[in-house]
Every structure is written in structure tokens, then in C-alpha cells.
Full PDB file with SEQRES, HELIX, SHEET, SSBOND, CRYST1, ORIGX, SCALE, CONECT and MASTER records, all heavy atoms in Angstrom:
SEQRES   1 A   33  ALA ILE HIS HIS GLY PRO LYS PRO THR ILE ALA ARG VAL          
SEQRES   2 A   33  GLN GLY VAL ALA LEU GLY GLY GLY VAL GLY LEU ALA ALA          
SEQRES   3 A   33  ALA CYS ASP ILE ALA ILE ALA                                  
HELIX    1 AA1 GLY A   20  ALA A   27  1                                   8    
SHEET    1 AA1 2 ILE A  10  ARG A  12  0                                        
SHEET    2 AA1 2 ILE A  30  ILE A  32  1                                        
CRYST1    1.000    1.000    1.000  90.00  90.00  90.00 P 1           1          
ORIGX1      1.000000  0.000000  0.000000        0.00000                         
ORIGX2      0.000000  1.000000  0.000000        0.00000                         
ORIGX3      0.000000  0.000000  1.000000        0.00000                         
SCALE1      1.000000  0.000000  0.000000        0.00000                         
SCALE2      0.000000  1.000000  0.000000        0.00000                         
SCALE3      0.000000  0.000000  1.000000        0.00000                         
ATOM      1  N   ALA A   1      -0.832   6.065   3.375  1.00  0.00           N  
ATOM      2  CA  ALA A   1      -1.837   6.944   3.902  1.00  0.00           C  
ATOM      3  C   ALA A   1      -2.099   8.259   3.063  1.00  0.00           C  
ATOM      4  O   ALA A   1      -3.142   8.714   2.879  1.00  0.00           O  
ATOM      5  CB  ALA A   1      -1.395   7.400   5.268  1.00  0.00           C  
ATOM      6  N   ILE A   2      -0.930   8.629   2.397  1.00  0.00           N  
ATOM      7  CA  ILE A   2      -0.992   9.791   1.573  1.00  0.00           C  
ATOM      8  C   ILE A   2      -1.588   9.354   0.238  1.00  0.00           C  
ATOM      9  O   ILE A   2      -2.499  10.055  -0.262  1.00  0.00           O  
ATOM     10  CB  ILE A   2       0.430  10.461   1.307  1.00  0.00           C  
ATOM     11  CG1 ILE A   2       1.036  10.923   2.557  1.00  0.00           C  
ATOM     12  CG2 ILE A   2       0.448  11.378   0.113  1.00  0.00           C  
ATOM     13  CD1 ILE A   2       2.659  11.348   2.447  1.00  0.00           C  
ATOM     14  N   HIS A   3      -1.245   8.297  -0.283  1.00  0.00           N  
ATOM     15  CA  HIS A   3      -1.666   7.935  -1.676  1.00  0.00           C  
ATOM     16  C   HIS A   3      -3.009   7.344  -1.695  1.00  0.00           C  
ATOM     17  O   HIS A   3      -3.871   7.539  -2.590  1.00  0.00           O  
ATOM     18  CB  HIS A   3      -0.625   6.906  -2.179  1.00  0.00           C  
ATOM     19  CG  HIS A   3      -0.946   6.621  -3.676  1.00  0.00           C  
ATOM     20  ND1 HIS A   3      -0.690   7.400  -4.727  1.00  0.00           N  
ATOM     21  CD2 HIS A   3      -1.436   5.382  -4.176  1.00  0.00           C  
ATOM     22  CE1 HIS A   3      -0.971   6.835  -5.866  1.00  0.00           C  
ATOM     23  NE2 HIS A   3      -1.499   5.563  -5.495  1.00  0.00           N  
ATOM     24  N   HIS A   4      -3.497   6.507  -0.767  1.00  0.00           N  
ATOM     25  CA  HIS A   4      -4.678   5.769  -0.820  1.00  0.00           C  
ATOM     26  C   HIS A   4      -5.855   6.595  -0.048  1.00  0.00           C  
ATOM     27  O   HIS A   4      -6.919   6.019  -0.083  1.00  0.00           O  
ATOM     28  CB  HIS A   4      -4.539   4.461  -0.345  1.00  0.00           C  
ATOM     29  CG  HIS A   4      -3.650   3.553  -1.084  1.00  0.00           C  
ATOM     30  ND1 HIS A   4      -3.959   3.252  -2.447  1.00  0.00           N  
ATOM     31  CD2 HIS A   4      -2.336   2.921  -0.915  1.00  0.00           C  
ATOM     32  CE1 HIS A   4      -2.779   2.482  -2.971  1.00  0.00           C  
ATOM     33  NE2 HIS A   4      -2.016   2.240  -1.947  1.00  0.00           N  
ATOM     34  N   GLY A   5      -5.512   7.698   0.677  1.00  0.00           N  
ATOM     35  CA  GLY A   5      -6.628   8.328   1.262  1.00  0.00           C  
ATOM     36  C   GLY A   5      -7.649   8.968   0.386  1.00  0.00           C  
ATOM     37  O   GLY A   5      -7.464   8.924  -0.928  1.00  0.00           O  
ATOM     38  N   PRO A   6      -8.925   9.135   0.889  1.00  0.00           N  
ATOM     39  CA  PRO A   6      -9.958   9.439   0.007  1.00  0.00           C  
ATOM     40  C   PRO A   6      -9.954  11.038  -0.474  1.00  0.00           C  
ATOM     41  O   PRO A   6     -10.682  11.339  -1.433  1.00  0.00           O  
ATOM     42  CB  PRO A   6     -11.189   9.328   1.003  1.00  0.00           C  
ATOM     43  CG  PRO A   6     -10.594   9.523   2.389  1.00  0.00           C  
ATOM     44  CD  PRO A   6      -9.269   8.982   2.281  1.00  0.00           C  
ATOM     45  N   LYS A   7      -9.161  11.704   0.053  1.00  0.00           N  
ATOM     46  CA  LYS A   7      -9.123  13.051  -0.351  1.00  0.00           C  
ATOM     47  C   LYS A   7      -8.058  13.405  -1.497  1.00  0.00           C  
ATOM     48  O   LYS A   7      -7.001  12.745  -1.352  1.00  0.00           O  
ATOM     49  CB  LYS A   7      -8.774  14.060   0.832  1.00  0.00           C  
ATOM     50  CG  LYS A   7      -9.301  13.637   2.151  1.00  0.00           C  
ATOM     51  CD  LYS A   7     -10.820  14.088   2.179  1.00  0.00           C  
ATOM     52  CE  LYS A   7     -11.417  13.838   3.578  1.00  0.00           C  
ATOM     53  NZ  LYS A   7     -12.759  14.157   3.698  1.00  0.00           N  
ATOM     54  N   PRO A   8      -8.302  14.172  -2.481  1.00  0.00           N  
ATOM     55  CA  PRO A   8      -7.270  14.685  -3.429  1.00  0.00           C  
ATOM     56  C   PRO A   8      -5.955  15.290  -2.677  1.00  0.00           C  
ATOM     57  O   PRO A   8      -6.342  16.046  -1.760  1.00  0.00           O  
ATOM     58  CB  PRO A   8      -7.972  15.591  -4.320  1.00  0.00           C  
ATOM     59  CG  PRO A   8      -9.273  15.289  -4.112  1.00  0.00           C  
ATOM     60  CD  PRO A   8      -9.624  14.897  -2.691  1.00  0.00           C  
ATOM     61  N   THR A   9      -4.892  14.897  -3.074  1.00  0.00           N  
ATOM     62  CA  THR A   9      -3.606  15.420  -2.528  1.00  0.00           C  
ATOM     63  C   THR A   9      -2.807  16.218  -3.463  1.00  0.00           C  
ATOM     64  O   THR A   9      -2.650  15.817  -4.736  1.00  0.00           O  
ATOM     65  CB  THR A   9      -2.842  14.445  -1.896  1.00  0.00           C  
ATOM     66  OG1 THR A   9      -2.488  13.346  -2.853  1.00  0.00           O  
ATOM     67  CG2 THR A   9      -3.518  13.786  -0.564  1.00  0.00           C  
ATOM     68  N   ILE A  10      -2.212  17.286  -3.156  1.00  0.00           N  
ATOM     69  CA  ILE A  10      -1.347  18.182  -3.973  1.00  0.00           C  
ATOM     70  C   ILE A  10       0.070  18.282  -3.296  1.00  0.00           C  
ATOM     71  O   ILE A  10       0.176  18.694  -2.095  1.00  0.00           O  
ATOM     72  CB  ILE A  10      -1.867  19.538  -4.114  1.00  0.00           C  
ATOM     73  CG1 ILE A  10      -3.276  19.442  -4.731  1.00  0.00           C  
ATOM     74  CG2 ILE A  10      -0.974  20.368  -5.049  1.00  0.00           C  
ATOM     75  CD1 ILE A  10      -3.950  20.848  -4.705  1.00  0.00           C  
ATOM     76  N   ALA A  11       1.176  18.000  -4.038  1.00  0.00           N  
ATOM     77  CA  ALA A  11       2.595  18.193  -3.554  1.00  0.00           C  
ATOM     78  C   ALA A  11       2.895  19.508  -3.982  1.00  0.00           C  
ATOM     79  O   ALA A  11       2.930  19.874  -5.338  1.00  0.00           O  
ATOM     80  CB  ALA A  11       3.468  17.019  -3.959  1.00  0.00           C  
ATOM     81  N   ARG A  12       3.327  20.400  -3.044  1.00  0.00           N  
ATOM     82  CA  ARG A  12       3.828  21.753  -3.404  1.00  0.00           C  
ATOM     83  C   ARG A  12       5.392  21.735  -3.299  1.00  0.00           C  
ATOM     84  O   ARG A  12       5.875  21.688  -2.266  1.00  0.00           O  
ATOM     85  CB  ARG A  12       3.235  22.755  -2.528  1.00  0.00           C  
ATOM     86  CG  ARG A  12       3.630  24.201  -2.660  1.00  0.00           C  
ATOM     87  CD  ARG A  12       3.304  25.091  -1.446  1.00  0.00           C  
ATOM     88  NE  ARG A  12       3.752  26.477  -1.404  1.00  0.00           N  
ATOM     89  CZ  ARG A  12       4.902  26.857  -1.096  1.00  0.00           C  
ATOM     90  NH1 ARG A  12       5.848  26.049  -0.681  1.00  0.00           N  
ATOM     91  NH2 ARG A  12       5.332  28.081  -1.219  1.00  0.00           N  
ATOM     92  N   VAL A  13       6.041  21.651  -4.451  1.00  0.00           N  
ATOM     93  CA  VAL A  13       7.455  21.336  -4.411  1.00  0.00           C  
ATOM     94  C   VAL A  13       8.335  22.600  -4.748  1.00  0.00           C  
ATOM     95  O   VAL A  13       8.329  23.122  -5.804  1.00  0.00           O  
ATOM     96  CB  VAL A  13       7.753  20.196  -5.345  1.00  0.00           C  
ATOM     97  CG1 VAL A  13       9.200  19.830  -5.337  1.00  0.00           C  
ATOM     98  CG2 VAL A  13       6.842  19.016  -5.056  1.00  0.00           C  
ATOM     99  N   GLN A  14       9.188  22.920  -3.935  1.00  0.00           N  
ATOM    100  CA  GLN A  14      10.174  23.978  -4.157  1.00  0.00           C  
ATOM    101  C   GLN A  14      11.666  23.540  -3.744  1.00  0.00           C  
ATOM    102  O   GLN A  14      11.711  22.567  -2.999  1.00  0.00           O  
ATOM    103  CB  GLN A  14       9.863  25.341  -3.411  1.00  0.00           C  
ATOM    104  CG  GLN A  14      10.299  25.368  -1.951  1.00  0.00           C  
ATOM    105  CD  GLN A  14       9.574  24.512  -0.983  1.00  0.00           C  
ATOM    106  OE1 GLN A  14       8.652  23.638  -1.342  1.00  0.00           O  
ATOM    107  NE2 GLN A  14       9.809  24.731   0.218  1.00  0.00           N  
ATOM    108  N   GLY A  15      12.630  24.075  -4.339  1.00  0.00           N  
ATOM    109  CA  GLY A  15      13.923  23.618  -3.817  1.00  0.00           C  
ATOM    110  C   GLY A  15      14.240  22.322  -4.399  1.00  0.00           C  
ATOM    111  O   GLY A  15      14.547  22.078  -5.610  1.00  0.00           O  
ATOM    112  N   VAL A  16      14.473  21.365  -3.559  1.00  0.00           N  
ATOM    113  CA  VAL A  16      14.786  19.984  -3.878  1.00  0.00           C  
ATOM    114  C   VAL A  16      13.765  18.974  -3.357  1.00  0.00           C  
ATOM    115  O   VAL A  16      13.175  19.184  -2.342  1.00  0.00           O  
ATOM    116  CB  VAL A  16      16.235  19.612  -3.456  1.00  0.00           C  
ATOM    117  CG1 VAL A  16      17.384  20.534  -4.106  1.00  0.00           C  
ATOM    118  CG2 VAL A  16      16.363  19.709  -1.973  1.00  0.00           C  
ATOM    119  N   ALA A  17      13.761  17.923  -4.164  1.00  0.00           N  
ATOM    120  CA  ALA A  17      13.009  16.695  -3.642  1.00  0.00           C  
ATOM    121  C   ALA A  17      14.036  15.531  -3.996  1.00  0.00           C  
ATOM    122  O   ALA A  17      14.322  15.261  -5.147  1.00  0.00           O  
ATOM    123  CB  ALA A  17      11.663  16.519  -4.486  1.00  0.00           C  
ATOM    124  N   LEU A  18      14.572  15.074  -2.868  1.00  0.00           N  
ATOM    125  CA  LEU A  18      15.650  14.033  -3.016  1.00  0.00           C  
ATOM    126  C   LEU A  18      15.234  12.679  -2.427  1.00  0.00           C  
ATOM    127  O   LEU A  18      14.493  12.603  -1.456  1.00  0.00           O  
ATOM    128  CB  LEU A  18      16.871  14.479  -2.394  1.00  0.00           C  
ATOM    129  CG  LEU A  18      17.478  15.766  -2.877  1.00  0.00           C  
ATOM    130  CD1 LEU A  18      18.617  16.077  -1.989  1.00  0.00           C  
ATOM    131  CD2 LEU A  18      17.708  15.920  -4.261  1.00  0.00           C  
ATOM    132  N   GLY A  19      15.594  11.532  -2.926  1.00  0.00           N  
ATOM    133  CA  GLY A  19      15.348  10.272  -2.364  1.00  0.00           C  
ATOM    134  C   GLY A  19      13.789  10.199  -2.067  1.00  0.00           C  
ATOM    135  O   GLY A  19      12.783  10.131  -2.894  1.00  0.00           O  
ATOM    136  N   GLY A  20      13.552   9.922  -0.804  1.00  0.00           N  
ATOM    137  CA  GLY A  20      12.203   9.803  -0.342  1.00  0.00           C  
ATOM    138  C   GLY A  20      11.399  11.096  -0.437  1.00  0.00           C  
ATOM    139  O   GLY A  20      10.131  11.002  -0.568  1.00  0.00           O  
ATOM    140  N   GLY A  21      11.964  12.163  -0.762  1.00  0.00           N  
ATOM    141  CA  GLY A  21      11.232  13.377  -1.002  1.00  0.00           C  
ATOM    142  C   GLY A  21      10.519  13.309  -2.437  1.00  0.00           C  
ATOM    143  O   GLY A  21       9.498  13.775  -2.688  1.00  0.00           O  
ATOM    144  N   VAL A  22      11.211  12.565  -3.389  1.00  0.00           N  
ATOM    145  CA  VAL A  22      10.680  12.190  -4.739  1.00  0.00           C  
ATOM    146  C   VAL A  22       9.526  11.281  -4.395  1.00  0.00           C  
ATOM    147  O   VAL A  22       8.448  11.454  -5.015  1.00  0.00           O  
ATOM    148  CB  VAL A  22      11.624  11.580  -5.701  1.00  0.00           C  
ATOM    149  CG1 VAL A  22      10.925  11.078  -6.940  1.00  0.00           C  
ATOM    150  CG2 VAL A  22      12.773  12.508  -6.056  1.00  0.00           C  
ATOM    151  N   GLY A  23       9.590  10.260  -3.500  1.00  0.00           N  
ATOM    152  CA  GLY A  23       8.472   9.400  -3.133  1.00  0.00           C  
ATOM    153  C   GLY A  23       7.303  10.151  -2.640  1.00  0.00           C  
ATOM    154  O   GLY A  23       6.047   9.814  -3.002  1.00  0.00           O  
ATOM    155  N   LEU A  24       7.523  11.075  -1.825  1.00  0.00           N  
ATOM    156  CA  LEU A  24       6.385  11.950  -1.185  1.00  0.00           C  
ATOM    157  C   LEU A  24       5.567  12.646  -2.449  1.00  0.00           C  
ATOM    158  O   LEU A  24       4.335  12.620  -2.371  1.00  0.00           O  
ATOM    159  CB  LEU A  24       6.898  12.899  -0.295  1.00  0.00           C  
ATOM    160  CG  LEU A  24       7.452  12.366   1.046  1.00  0.00           C  
ATOM    161  CD1 LEU A  24       8.146  13.419   1.916  1.00  0.00           C  
ATOM    162  CD2 LEU A  24       6.273  11.737   1.860  1.00  0.00           C  
ATOM    163  N   ALA A  25       6.390  13.263  -3.360  1.00  0.00           N  
ATOM    164  CA  ALA A  25       5.741  13.835  -4.361  1.00  0.00           C  
ATOM    165  C   ALA A  25       4.991  13.072  -5.303  1.00  0.00           C  
ATOM    166  O   ALA A  25       3.828  13.260  -5.801  1.00  0.00           O  
ATOM    167  CB  ALA A  25       6.738  14.726  -5.258  1.00  0.00           C  
ATOM    168  N   ALA A  26       5.503  11.701  -5.568  1.00  0.00           N  
ATOM    169  CA  ALA A  26       4.937  10.811  -6.424  1.00  0.00           C  
ATOM    170  C   ALA A  26       3.640  10.134  -5.764  1.00  0.00           C  
ATOM    171  O   ALA A  26       2.835   9.832  -6.472  1.00  0.00           O  
ATOM    172  CB  ALA A  26       5.887   9.780  -6.714  1.00  0.00           C  
ATOM    173  N   ALA A  27       3.845  10.149  -4.402  1.00  0.00           N  
ATOM    174  CA  ALA A  27       2.489   9.500  -3.747  1.00  0.00           C  
ATOM    175  C   ALA A  27       1.292  10.381  -3.767  1.00  0.00           C  
ATOM    176  O   ALA A  27       0.164  10.067  -3.445  1.00  0.00           O  
ATOM    177  CB  ALA A  27       3.024   9.222  -2.232  1.00  0.00           C  
ATOM    178  N   CYS A  28       1.514  11.798  -3.957  1.00  0.00           N  
ATOM    179  CA  CYS A  28       0.367  12.631  -4.064  1.00  0.00           C  
ATOM    180  C   CYS A  28      -0.216  12.517  -5.463  1.00  0.00           C  
ATOM    181  O   CYS A  28       0.384  12.199  -6.393  1.00  0.00           O  
ATOM    182  CB  CYS A  28       0.860  14.208  -3.872  1.00  0.00           C  
ATOM    183  SG  CYS A  28       1.466  14.481  -2.274  1.00  0.00           S  
ATOM    184  N   ASP A  29      -1.519  12.950  -5.405  1.00  0.00           N  
ATOM    185  CA  ASP A  29      -2.284  12.832  -6.805  1.00  0.00           C  
ATOM    186  C   ASP A  29      -1.822  13.841  -7.906  1.00  0.00           C  
ATOM    187  O   ASP A  29      -1.682  13.417  -9.009  1.00  0.00           O  
ATOM    188  CB  ASP A  29      -3.653  13.118  -6.410  1.00  0.00           C  
ATOM    189  CG  ASP A  29      -4.353  12.019  -5.588  1.00  0.00           C  
ATOM    190  OD1 ASP A  29      -4.120  10.828  -5.845  1.00  0.00           O  
ATOM    191  OD2 ASP A  29      -5.099  12.484  -4.651  1.00  0.00           O  
ATOM    192  N   ILE A  30      -1.450  14.945  -7.366  1.00  0.00           N  
ATOM    193  CA  ILE A  30      -0.962  16.088  -8.200  1.00  0.00           C  
ATOM    194  C   ILE A  30       0.252  16.652  -7.697  1.00  0.00           C  
ATOM    195  O   ILE A  30       0.375  16.923  -6.392  1.00  0.00           O  
ATOM    196  CB  ILE A  30      -2.094  17.168  -8.296  1.00  0.00           C  
ATOM    197  CG1 ILE A  30      -3.378  16.452  -9.000  1.00  0.00           C  
ATOM    198  CG2 ILE A  30      -1.529  18.333  -9.211  1.00  0.00           C  
ATOM    199  CD1 ILE A  30      -4.676  17.360  -8.776  1.00  0.00           C  
ATOM    200  N   ALA A  31       1.276  17.011  -8.558  1.00  0.00           N  
ATOM    201  CA  ALA A  31       2.491  17.611  -7.961  1.00  0.00           C  
ATOM    202  C   ALA A  31       2.808  18.972  -8.889  1.00  0.00           C  
ATOM    203  O   ALA A  31       2.670  18.908 -10.051  1.00  0.00           O  
ATOM    204  CB  ALA A  31       3.691  16.678  -8.078  1.00  0.00           C  
ATOM    205  N   ILE A  32       2.928  20.007  -8.177  1.00  0.00           N  
ATOM    206  CA  ILE A  32       3.445  21.220  -8.798  1.00  0.00           C  
ATOM    207  C   ILE A  32       4.655  21.726  -8.276  1.00  0.00           C  
ATOM    208  O   ILE A  32       4.863  21.689  -7.031  1.00  0.00           O  
ATOM    209  CB  ILE A  32       2.267  22.334  -8.419  1.00  0.00           C  
ATOM    210  CG1 ILE A  32       0.870  21.896  -8.995  1.00  0.00           C  
ATOM    211  CG2 ILE A  32       2.614  23.670  -9.107  1.00  0.00           C  
ATOM    212  CD1 ILE A  32      -0.349  22.877  -8.532  1.00  0.00           C  
ATOM    213  N   ALA A  33       5.628  22.149  -9.126  1.00  0.00           N  
ATOM    214  CA  ALA A  33       6.929  22.399  -8.747  1.00  0.00           C  
ATOM    215  C   ALA A  33       7.378  23.783  -9.352  1.00  0.00           C  
ATOM    216  O   ALA A  33       6.810  24.350 -10.331  1.00  0.00           O  
ATOM    217  CB  ALA A  33       7.956  21.408  -9.319  1.00  0.00           C  
TER     218      ALA A  33                                                      
MASTER        0    0    0    1    2    0    0    6  217    1    0    3          
END                                                                             
């Protein structure tokens, strides 16, 4: 739902992204950390 949705998505990443948190960032179109 995150990755294939029609709207552009941005992951706003601070602190840590671990395990599935990396997956959430990777599923977004753009990631800024």
C-alpha cells in the first residue's frame, strides 16, 4: 500500500531504522535521513 500507491511518498528518517524499519524506508519513493 505504501509502495504501489499513486501518490509520491517520502520517508523522513531520524535515529534508527532497523529490520522492518529499513523496509518501510525502502518502500517509500524517496528517503531523507
